[in-house]
């Protein structure tokens, strides 16, 4: 199937009739998903891959760029490599915590835009998109100022008593530079979220790929001092990232300012906030924000425990986390497909299609996840040596990758199921799961394993695995219960009332 530039993916849903406001088994438990008559499984798998594949390539290349950042920083001479890896790792968590407020609104944007696309209401999709962009512009500007002012305090809190003065200085400098590029980064994410809602994952793949190449080029030039540029080390890596992110935003903005896209912003028009639309976005996004904030705060507390193990172990943790993030791309890309297709299915009132898309997305995601886990087992030491050749780092990191390989399929499935739930607006339950798993389960097991049993970094990762396994089980149970359909029931009553007026 041809995938025209900037246009939405035409799925099997476009060829089906609208469902009833309430289909016979719409609000019960999810039963065995049967492909509707006249639709082939191959067509549905193709729908999934048309959305998931460009998203996977985009996320993978982005993560490869992050991986290259860590490798280039880790290969700096002497102890600077270990200091640099630790500094970048400490700076990443506060930045992601601040981004949570914006990305949570993006969850609502994707879900509502996908629903409008399913209803074939292009005008509504564009109204939601425009409101999301301008709201997040204001929000990200406020967060940028806050981040610049409090950067040193955030790094000091992250590192706790285990951080050295050298690492504190490097990490603070890195984080401050990151916040100078915070607004274009957040707006790029908002545009990408809306494009995914209408099934256009190819356009974000293009502009983020170009940005990654730019990032890598400036990494080489600015970290090591090439082509007449002074060697800037860790600061150079941060500036290279900001430059790449700005390039991505410029290309994304150009795409949605043009005429060839389903979503479009017209700058000449007078803008006014529509608080009803913002409220609808927030109704989905705020629970997701709470989930992400809880998860990030739990991870920060967890990182503080790991930082107390010393620079070598924290550097190992950063290397392994970065490699693990590569596997996250599988779950996230198929999760994006799940969000889009389930959201569009509900816009079309086809609960049967939502269930079928979820089933097929999970099976495809499991297949790709197992392949990724196998690579992690086979090339464990080789992956670690790419970052740093310190014997202690290599030995511990290679052993940890055996543990993480088990986690890859479980984690991927959790992303797919939770992505589907977000697509239909069920975000409160994931927030509760995040609270229990990240703060209670992970931190409790970490305290037992690291502080009481003194198992060090291995104990810390046992806590992460326990958290993720429990989260996957709870999310799948939620989906199968059919309770997420309560939102659909309420919305359909409102639609029926509107039609009778």
Protein backbone atom coordinates (compact mmCIF):
# COMPACT_ATOMS: atom_id res chain seq x y z
CA UNK A 1 0.00 0.00 0.00
CA UNK A 2 1.32 3.40 -0.94
CA UNK A 3 2.03 5.66 1.98
CA UNK A 4 1.83 9.22 0.59
CA UNK A 5 3.99 11.81 2.27
CA UNK A 6 2.21 13.64 5.04
CA UNK A 7 -1.12 11.84 4.67
CA UNK A 8 -2.82 9.43 7.02
CA UNK A 9 -2.53 5.69 6.65
CA UNK A 10 -5.68 4.21 5.14
CA UNK A 11 -6.65 1.27 7.34
CA UNK A 12 -9.30 -1.42 7.23
CA UNK A 13 -11.45 0.84 9.45
CA UNK A 14 -11.95 3.24 6.52
CA UNK A 15 -13.75 0.49 4.58
CA UNK A 16 -16.08 -0.53 7.43
CA UNK A 17 -19.43 0.89 8.46
CA UNK A 18 -19.86 2.73 11.76
CA UNK A 19 -20.80 0.53 14.69
CA UNK A 20 -23.79 1.11 16.93
CA UNK A 21 -23.58 3.47 19.87
CA UNK A 22 -23.70 0.31 21.92
CA UNK A 23 -22.85 -2.97 20.23
CA UNK A 24 -24.10 -6.27 21.78
CA UNK A 25 -21.03 -7.10 23.88
CA UNK A 26 -19.40 -3.67 23.93
CA UNK A 27 -19.24 -3.32 27.69
CA UNK A 28 -18.44 -6.81 28.86
CA UNK A 29 -15.13 -8.59 29.30
CA UNK A 30 -12.87 -8.82 26.28
CA UNK A 31 -13.68 -12.16 24.69
CA UNK A 32 -11.83 -13.99 21.96
CA UNK A 33 -11.08 -11.42 19.27
CA UNK A 34 -12.50 -12.53 15.92
CA UNK A 35 -11.62 -10.81 12.65
CA UNK A 36 -14.82 -9.31 11.16
CA UNK A 37 -16.22 -10.86 8.02
CA UNK A 38 -14.76 -9.37 4.86
CA UNK A 39 -11.51 -8.28 6.53
CA UNK A 40 -8.32 -10.36 6.34
CA UNK A 41 -5.80 -10.77 9.14
CA UNK A 42 -3.07 -9.89 6.66
CA UNK A 43 -4.71 -6.51 6.02
CA UNK A 44 -4.88 -5.79 9.74
CA UNK A 45 -1.25 -6.77 10.28
CA UNK A 46 -0.31 -4.46 7.44
CA UNK A 47 -2.23 -1.62 9.15
CA UNK A 48 -0.23 -2.22 12.32
CA UNK A 49 3.11 -2.33 10.54
CA UNK A 50 2.36 0.79 8.46
CA UNK A 51 2.09 2.71 11.75
CA UNK A 52 4.56 0.78 13.92
CA UNK A 53 7.44 0.43 11.45
CA UNK A 54 8.15 4.13 10.78
CA UNK A 55 7.67 4.78 14.49
CA UNK A 56 10.15 2.02 15.31
CA UNK A 57 12.73 3.37 12.87
CA UNK A 58 12.32 6.89 14.27
CA UNK A 59 12.59 5.78 17.91
CA UNK A 60 15.45 3.40 17.16
CA UNK A 61 17.49 6.04 15.37
CA UNK A 62 16.81 8.49 18.18
CA UNK A 63 17.99 5.96 20.72
CA UNK A 64 21.01 5.10 18.59
CA UNK A 65 21.90 8.78 18.71
CA UNK A 66 21.58 8.74 22.49
CA UNK A 67 23.70 5.61 22.47
CA UNK A 68 26.32 7.39 20.33
CA UNK A 69 26.27 10.31 22.80
CA UNK A 70 27.06 7.94 25.65
CA UNK A 71 29.72 6.08 23.63
CA UNK A 72 31.49 9.27 22.59
CA UNK A 73 31.38 10.66 26.12
CA UNK A 74 32.44 7.32 27.62
CA UNK A 75 35.45 7.10 25.32
CA UNK A 76 36.96 10.38 26.54
CA UNK A 77 40.49 9.78 27.89
CA UNK A 78 41.28 8.74 31.46
CA UNK A 79 38.69 9.03 34.19
CA UNK A 80 36.79 11.62 32.16
CA UNK A 81 34.91 8.80 30.42
CA UNK A 82 33.44 7.49 33.68
CA UNK A 83 32.78 11.01 34.98
CA UNK A 84 31.09 11.91 31.68
CA UNK A 85 28.79 8.86 31.66
CA UNK A 86 27.75 9.57 35.23
CA UNK A 87 27.18 13.27 34.50
CA UNK A 88 24.97 12.63 31.49
CA UNK A 89 22.97 10.03 33.40
CA UNK A 90 22.35 12.33 36.36
CA UNK A 91 21.23 15.17 34.07
CA UNK A 92 18.81 13.02 32.09
CA UNK A 93 16.35 12.27 34.89
CA UNK A 94 15.51 15.89 35.91
CA UNK A 95 15.05 16.78 32.26
CA UNK A 96 12.67 13.88 31.68
CA UNK A 97 10.81 14.76 34.88
CA UNK A 98 10.17 18.30 33.60
CA UNK A 99 9.13 16.94 30.20
CA UNK A 100 6.50 14.75 31.84
CA UNK A 101 4.06 17.66 32.10
CA UNK A 102 4.21 18.26 28.35
CA UNK A 103 4.32 14.63 27.22
CA UNK A 104 1.29 13.84 29.37
CA UNK A 105 -0.74 16.41 27.45
CA UNK A 106 0.55 14.78 24.28
CA UNK A 107 -1.05 11.50 25.37
CA UNK A 108 -4.42 13.24 25.41
CA UNK A 109 -3.66 14.91 22.08
CA UNK A 110 -2.89 11.58 20.38
CA UNK A 111 -6.02 9.91 21.75
CA UNK A 112 -8.44 12.71 20.83
CA UNK A 113 -6.91 13.34 17.40
CA UNK A 114 -7.08 9.58 16.69
CA UNK A 115 -10.73 9.54 17.71
CA UNK A 116 -11.49 12.50 15.42
CA UNK A 117 -9.66 10.72 12.60
CA UNK A 118 -11.79 7.62 13.18
CA UNK A 119 -14.90 9.81 12.96
CA UNK A 120 -13.48 11.38 9.77
CA UNK A 121 -13.71 14.82 11.40
CA UNK A 122 -10.63 16.60 10.06
CA UNK A 123 -11.75 19.99 11.37
CA UNK A 124 -11.93 18.74 14.95
CA UNK A 125 -8.56 17.00 14.64
CA UNK A 126 -6.98 20.29 13.57
CA UNK A 127 -8.70 22.28 16.33
CA UNK A 128 -7.34 19.88 18.95
CA UNK A 129 -3.89 19.98 17.37
CA UNK A 130 -3.77 23.79 17.34
CA UNK A 131 -4.87 24.06 20.98
CA UNK A 132 -2.27 21.47 22.06
CA UNK A 133 0.59 23.25 20.27
CA UNK A 134 -0.08 26.68 21.76
CA UNK A 135 -0.80 25.35 25.24
CA UNK A 136 2.44 23.36 25.27
CA UNK A 137 4.36 26.35 23.93
CA UNK A 138 3.34 28.31 27.02
CA UNK A 139 3.94 25.39 29.38
CA UNK A 140 7.38 24.49 28.02
CA UNK A 141 8.57 28.12 28.21
CA UNK A 142 7.69 28.25 31.92
CA UNK A 143 9.42 24.91 32.54
CA UNK A 144 12.54 26.06 30.66
CA UNK A 145 12.98 29.04 32.99
CA UNK A 146 12.38 26.88 36.04
CA UNK A 147 14.93 24.33 34.83
CA UNK A 148 17.64 26.92 34.18
CA UNK A 149 17.22 28.37 37.66
CA UNK A 150 17.16 25.07 39.57
CA UNK A 151 19.60 22.92 37.52
CA UNK A 152 22.36 22.70 40.15
CA UNK A 153 19.91 21.89 42.94
CA UNK A 154 18.31 19.10 40.87
CA UNK A 155 21.67 17.52 40.11
CA UNK A 156 22.72 17.73 43.76
CA UNK A 157 19.49 16.02 44.80
CA UNK A 158 19.90 13.31 42.18
CA UNK A 159 23.47 12.49 43.13
CA UNK A 160 23.02 12.58 46.90
CA UNK A 161 26.13 12.08 49.00
CA UNK A 162 27.77 9.78 46.42
CA UNK A 163 28.40 12.45 43.78
CA UNK A 164 31.86 13.94 43.31
CA UNK A 165 32.51 17.66 42.75
CA UNK A 166 33.76 16.92 39.22
CA UNK A 167 30.61 15.04 38.31
CA UNK A 168 28.37 17.70 39.87
CA UNK A 169 29.97 20.46 37.79
CA UNK A 170 29.85 18.48 34.52
CA UNK A 171 26.27 17.35 35.04
CA UNK A 172 24.99 20.82 35.96
CA UNK A 173 26.57 22.33 32.86
CA UNK A 174 25.09 19.58 30.68
CA UNK A 175 21.57 20.06 32.14
CA UNK A 176 21.56 23.86 31.78
CA UNK A 177 22.46 23.58 28.11
CA UNK A 178 19.65 21.05 27.64
CA UNK A 179 17.09 23.48 29.02
CA UNK A 180 18.07 26.11 26.44
CA UNK A 181 16.63 23.73 23.84
CA UNK A 182 13.63 22.68 25.91
CA UNK A 183 10.90 24.62 24.04
CA UNK A 184 11.68 23.31 20.52
CA UNK A 185 12.05 19.78 21.95
CA UNK A 186 8.61 19.87 23.57
CA UNK A 187 6.89 21.38 20.53
CA UNK A 188 8.47 18.73 18.34
CA UNK A 189 7.02 16.05 20.63
CA UNK A 190 3.57 17.66 20.45
CA UNK A 191 3.58 17.75 16.65
CA UNK A 192 4.80 14.15 16.55
CA UNK A 193 2.07 13.01 18.97
CA UNK A 194 -0.67 14.58 16.85
CA UNK A 195 0.71 13.13 13.60
CA UNK A 196 0.75 9.68 15.19
CA UNK A 197 -2.89 10.16 16.15
CA UNK A 198 -3.87 10.38 12.49
CA UNK A 199 -1.59 7.47 11.60
CA UNK A 200 1.20 9.55 10.03
CA UNK A 201 4.37 8.07 11.51
CA UNK A 202 6.42 8.51 8.34
CA UNK A 203 6.79 12.29 8.60
CA UNK A 204 8.19 12.19 12.19
CA UNK A 205 10.54 9.42 11.08
CA UNK A 206 11.97 11.68 8.37
CA UNK A 207 12.57 14.82 10.42
CA UNK A 208 13.84 12.97 13.49
CA UNK A 209 16.23 10.92 11.35
CA UNK A 210 17.71 14.10 9.86
CA UNK A 211 18.01 15.58 13.35
CA UNK A 212 19.85 12.49 14.59
CA UNK A 213 22.41 12.76 11.80
CA UNK A 214 22.93 16.43 12.68
CA UNK A 215 23.34 15.48 16.34
CA UNK A 216 25.99 12.86 15.56
CA UNK A 217 27.94 15.25 13.33
CA UNK A 218 28.09 17.94 16.00
CA UNK A 219 28.93 15.32 18.64
CA UNK A 220 32.06 14.48 16.69
CA UNK A 221 32.93 18.13 16.12
CA UNK A 222 32.17 19.53 19.58
CA UNK A 223 33.13 16.72 21.99
CA UNK A 224 36.57 16.06 20.57
CA UNK A 225 37.30 19.46 18.97
CA UNK A 226 37.27 18.82 15.22
CA UNK A 227 37.05 21.12 12.18
CA UNK A 228 38.43 24.07 14.14
CA UNK A 229 35.97 23.77 17.04
CA UNK A 230 37.45 23.63 20.58
CA UNK A 231 37.11 20.32 22.45
CA UNK A 232 34.09 20.87 24.72
CA UNK A 233 33.68 17.35 26.17
CA UNK A 234 30.37 16.78 27.98
CA UNK A 235 29.16 20.32 27.23
CA UNK A 236 29.77 19.68 23.53
CA UNK A 237 27.58 16.57 23.67
CA UNK A 238 24.79 18.63 25.21
CA UNK A 239 25.02 21.42 22.62
CA UNK A 240 25.02 18.84 19.81
CA UNK A 241 21.80 17.37 21.19
CA UNK A 242 20.15 20.79 21.38
CA UNK A 243 21.16 21.62 17.80
CA UNK A 244 19.71 18.31 16.56
CA UNK A 245 16.46 18.83 18.47
CA UNK A 246 16.09 22.34 17.04
CA UNK A 247 16.56 21.03 13.51
CA UNK A 248 13.82 18.44 14.16
CA UNK A 249 11.44 21.15 15.38
CA UNK A 250 12.07 23.39 12.37
CA UNK A 251 11.33 20.51 9.98
CA UNK A 252 8.25 19.44 11.97
CA UNK A 253 6.91 23.00 12.00
CA UNK A 254 7.48 23.31 8.27
CA UNK A 255 5.52 20.09 7.71
CA UNK A 256 2.40 21.23 9.58
CA UNK A 257 2.55 24.77 8.18
CA UNK A 258 2.36 23.37 4.65
CA UNK A 259 -0.72 22.37 2.66
CA UNK A 260 -0.02 18.68 2.06
CA UNK A 261 -0.77 17.35 5.55
CA UNK A 262 -3.94 16.20 7.26
CA UNK A 263 -2.98 18.36 10.22
CA UNK A 264 -2.17 21.99 9.56
CA UNK A 265 -1.57 25.18 11.55
CA UNK A 266 -2.41 28.52 9.92
CA UNK A 267 -0.44 31.26 11.65
CA UNK A 268 -2.45 34.12 10.14
CA UNK A 269 -5.58 33.15 12.02
CA UNK A 270 -6.44 34.71 15.36
CA UNK A 271 -5.87 32.26 18.20
CA UNK A 272 -7.82 31.92 21.41
CA UNK A 273 -7.62 29.11 23.93
CA UNK A 274 -10.62 26.80 23.84
CA UNK A 275 -10.76 25.58 27.41
CA UNK A 276 -13.27 22.86 26.58
CA UNK A 277 -10.73 21.23 24.26
CA UNK A 278 -7.91 21.76 26.76
CA UNK A 279 -10.10 20.15 29.41
CA UNK A 280 -10.76 17.13 27.18
CA UNK A 281 -7.04 16.76 26.50
CA UNK A 282 -6.27 17.11 30.20
CA UNK A 283 -8.93 14.56 31.16
CA UNK A 284 -6.79 11.96 29.42
CA UNK A 285 -3.41 13.61 29.91
CA UNK A 286 -3.51 14.47 33.63
CA UNK A 287 -3.86 10.87 34.85
CA UNK A 288 -1.02 9.99 32.48
CA UNK A 289 0.97 12.91 33.91
CA UNK A 290 0.41 11.62 37.43
CA UNK A 291 1.51 8.18 36.28
CA UNK A 292 4.67 9.55 34.67
CA UNK A 293 5.48 11.87 37.59
CA UNK A 294 5.12 9.04 40.06
CA UNK A 295 7.24 6.78 37.88
CA UNK A 296 9.93 9.44 37.38
CA UNK A 297 10.05 10.34 41.07
CA UNK A 298 10.34 6.66 41.92
CA UNK A 299 13.15 6.28 39.39
CA UNK A 300 14.92 9.35 40.82
CA UNK A 301 14.83 7.85 44.31
CA UNK A 302 16.03 4.59 42.80
CA UNK A 303 18.86 6.39 40.98
CA UNK A 304 19.97 7.99 44.23
CA UNK A 305 20.38 4.52 45.73
CA UNK A 306 22.42 3.37 42.73
CA UNK A 307 24.54 6.56 42.77
CA UNK A 308 25.63 5.63 46.29
CA UNK A 309 27.37 2.51 44.87
CA UNK A 310 30.16 4.67 43.39
CA UNK A 311 31.07 6.14 39.99
CA UNK A 312 32.01 2.81 38.33
CA UNK A 313 28.76 1.09 39.29
CA UNK A 314 26.68 4.13 38.39
CA UNK A 315 28.45 4.33 35.04
CA UNK A 316 27.66 0.62 34.52
CA UNK A 317 24.04 1.29 35.39
CA UNK A 318 23.93 4.10 32.83
CA UNK A 319 25.43 1.92 30.11
CA UNK A 320 23.03 -0.96 30.78
CA UNK A 321 20.05 1.42 31.01
CA UNK A 322 20.98 2.93 27.67
CA UNK A 323 21.17 -0.51 26.05
CA UNK A 324 17.88 -1.49 27.67
CA UNK A 325 16.34 1.65 26.20
CA UNK A 326 17.06 0.23 22.77
CA UNK A 327 14.69 -2.64 23.56
CA UNK A 328 12.06 -0.16 24.75
CA UNK A 329 11.80 1.10 21.20
CA UNK A 330 10.09 -2.15 20.19
CA UNK A 331 7.35 -1.84 22.79
CA UNK A 332 6.95 1.91 22.28
CA UNK A 333 6.57 1.66 18.50
CA UNK A 334 3.96 -1.08 18.69
CA UNK A 335 2.40 0.80 21.62
CA UNK A 336 2.03 3.84 19.35
CA UNK A 337 0.26 1.64 16.81
CA UNK A 338 -1.99 0.29 19.54
CA UNK A 339 -2.88 3.80 20.75
CA UNK A 340 -3.68 5.02 17.24
CA UNK A 341 -5.67 2.02 16.05
CA UNK A 342 -7.71 1.53 19.23
CA UNK A 343 -8.45 5.25 19.34
CA UNK A 344 -9.59 5.22 15.72
CA UNK A 345 -11.62 2.05 16.31
CA UNK A 346 -13.56 3.75 19.07
CA UNK A 347 -14.05 6.82 16.91
CA UNK A 348 -15.69 4.43 14.43
CA UNK A 349 -17.52 2.66 17.31
CA UNK A 350 -15.99 -0.66 16.29
CA UNK A 351 -15.20 -2.42 19.56
CA UNK A 352 -14.60 -5.66 17.68
CA UNK A 353 -11.84 -4.02 15.64
CA UNK A 354 -10.25 -2.55 18.78
CA UNK A 355 -9.95 -6.05 20.26
CA UNK A 356 -8.58 -7.56 17.05
CA UNK A 357 -5.99 -4.82 16.62
CA UNK A 358 -4.84 -5.31 20.22
CA UNK A 359 -4.48 -9.07 19.75
CA UNK A 360 -2.48 -8.80 16.53
CA UNK A 361 -0.32 -5.93 17.80
CA UNK A 362 0.65 -7.98 20.86
CA UNK A 363 1.60 -11.00 18.75
CA UNK A 364 3.74 -8.96 16.35
CA UNK A 365 5.36 -7.09 19.23
CA UNK A 366 6.22 -10.34 21.01
CA UNK A 367 7.92 -11.73 17.91
CA UNK A 368 10.12 -8.65 17.44
CA UNK A 369 10.86 -8.39 21.19
CA UNK A 370 12.16 -11.97 21.35
CA UNK A 371 14.51 -11.24 18.45
CA UNK A 372 15.84 -8.20 20.32
CA UNK A 373 16.35 -10.20 23.51
CA UNK A 374 18.33 -12.83 21.60
CA UNK A 375 20.72 -10.20 20.23
CA UNK A 376 21.22 -8.85 23.73
CA UNK A 377 22.27 -12.29 25.00
CA UNK A 378 24.60 -13.09 22.10
CA UNK A 379 26.46 -9.77 22.02
CA UNK A 380 26.35 -8.79 25.71
CA UNK A 381 30.05 -8.00 26.22
CA UNK A 382 30.40 -6.39 22.81
CA UNK A 383 27.60 -3.95 23.59
CA UNK A 384 29.19 -2.92 26.90
CA UNK A 385 32.66 -2.42 25.39
CA UNK A 386 31.21 0.05 22.91
CA UNK A 387 30.68 2.42 25.82
CA UNK A 388 33.59 1.80 28.13
CA UNK A 389 36.40 -0.74 28.47
CA UNK A 390 36.92 -0.49 32.23
CA UNK A 391 37.04 -4.20 33.32
CA UNK A 392 34.67 -3.71 36.26
CA UNK A 393 32.11 -1.97 34.02
CA UNK A 394 32.34 -4.64 31.29
CA UNK A 395 32.01 -7.61 33.66
CA UNK A 396 29.06 -6.26 35.62
CA UNK A 397 27.29 -4.89 32.53
CA UNK A 398 27.54 -8.15 30.57
CA UNK A 399 26.00 -10.10 33.44
CA UNK A 400 23.17 -7.61 33.80
CA UNK A 401 22.25 -7.93 30.12
CA UNK A 402 21.38 -11.59 30.73
CA UNK A 403 18.83 -10.42 33.29
CA UNK A 404 17.46 -7.70 31.03
CA UNK A 405 16.99 -10.07 28.08
CA UNK A 406 14.25 -11.80 30.09
CA UNK A 407 12.57 -8.44 30.61
CA UNK A 408 12.40 -7.36 26.95
CA UNK A 409 9.27 -9.34 25.83
CA UNK A 410 7.45 -8.62 29.09
CA UNK A 411 8.20 -4.92 28.89
CA UNK A 412 7.19 -4.74 25.24
CA UNK A 413 3.80 -6.31 25.93
CA UNK A 414 3.19 -3.89 28.78
CA UNK A 415 3.82 -0.91 26.48
CA UNK A 416 1.41 -2.28 23.87
CA UNK A 417 -1.44 -2.95 26.31
CA UNK A 418 -1.04 0.34 28.17
CA UNK A 419 -0.79 2.16 24.83
CA UNK A 420 -4.11 0.68 23.77
CA UNK A 421 -5.74 1.68 27.05
CA UNK A 422 -4.53 5.23 26.59
CA UNK A 423 -5.94 5.24 23.08
CA UNK A 424 -9.42 4.66 24.50
CA UNK A 425 -8.93 7.16 27.31
CA UNK A 426 -8.33 4.78 30.21
CA UNK A 427 -5.38 6.50 31.90
CA UNK A 428 -6.34 6.48 35.58
CA UNK A 429 -5.65 2.81 36.15
CA UNK A 430 -2.12 3.01 34.67
CA UNK A 431 -1.44 5.90 37.08
CA UNK A 432 -2.43 3.71 40.04
CA UNK A 433 -0.28 0.87 38.73
CA UNK A 434 2.68 3.22 38.38
CA UNK A 435 2.27 4.33 42.00
CA UNK A 436 2.20 0.79 43.34
CA UNK A 437 4.92 -0.69 41.14
CA UNK A 438 7.46 2.13 40.91
CA UNK A 439 7.26 3.64 44.37
CA UNK A 440 6.21 0.70 46.55
CA UNK A 441 7.39 -2.47 44.79
CA UNK A 442 10.59 -1.21 43.16
CA UNK A 443 11.82 0.84 46.11
CA UNK A 444 10.96 -1.85 48.68
CA UNK A 445 12.76 -4.59 46.77
CA UNK A 446 15.68 -2.25 46.06
CA UNK A 447 16.01 -1.48 49.78
CA UNK A 448 16.00 -5.19 50.63
CA UNK A 449 18.37 -6.23 47.85
CA UNK A 450 20.84 -3.33 48.00
CA UNK A 451 20.82 -2.14 51.61
CA UNK A 452 20.01 -5.32 53.55
CA UNK A 453 21.38 -8.13 51.37
CA UNK A 454 24.14 -5.94 49.85
CA UNK A 455 23.69 -7.38 46.35
CA UNK A 456 24.73 -4.08 44.79
CA UNK A 457 23.76 -3.31 41.20
CA UNK A 458 22.40 -6.84 40.60
CA UNK A 459 19.93 -6.35 43.43
CA UNK A 460 18.89 -2.98 42.03
CA UNK A 461 18.09 -4.51 38.64
CA UNK A 462 16.20 -7.37 40.29
CA UNK A 463 13.95 -4.64 41.70
CA UNK A 464 13.42 -3.13 38.22
CA UNK A 465 12.50 -6.53 36.76
CA UNK A 466 10.02 -7.24 39.57
CA UNK A 467 8.39 -3.86 39.00
CA UNK A 468 8.02 -4.39 35.25
CA UNK A 469 6.68 -7.94 35.48
CA UNK A 470 4.00 -6.95 37.99
CA UNK A 471 3.08 -3.92 35.89
CA UNK A 472 2.66 -6.06 32.75
CA UNK A 473 0.41 -8.53 34.59
CA UNK A 474 -1.80 -5.80 36.03
CA UNK A 475 -2.17 -3.94 32.73
CA UNK A 476 -3.13 -7.09 30.82
CA UNK A 477 -5.64 -7.99 33.51
CA UNK A 478 -7.17 -4.52 33.22
CA UNK A 479 -7.55 -4.79 29.47
CA UNK A 480 -9.15 -8.23 29.60
CA UNK A 481 -11.62 -7.15 32.30
CA UNK A 482 -13.27 -4.72 29.88
CA UNK A 483 -13.53 -2.04 32.59
CA UNK A 484 -11.81 0.45 30.31
CA UNK A 485 -15.05 0.50 28.32
CA UNK A 486 -16.73 2.56 31.05
CA UNK A 487 -15.40 5.71 29.37
CA UNK A 488 -16.85 4.54 26.08
CA UNK A 489 -20.23 3.96 27.72
CA UNK A 490 -20.27 7.49 29.15
CA UNK A 491 -19.19 9.11 25.90
CA UNK A 492 -21.75 7.17 23.88
CA UNK A 493 -24.55 8.28 26.23
CA UNK A 494 -23.45 11.86 25.67
CA UNK A 495 -23.45 11.34 21.88
CA UNK A 496 -26.90 9.77 22.00
CA UNK A 497 -28.23 12.67 24.07
CA UNK A 498 -26.74 15.16 21.60
CA UNK A 499 -28.34 13.36 18.65
CA UNK A 500 -31.77 13.42 20.33
CA UNK A 501 -31.63 17.16 20.97
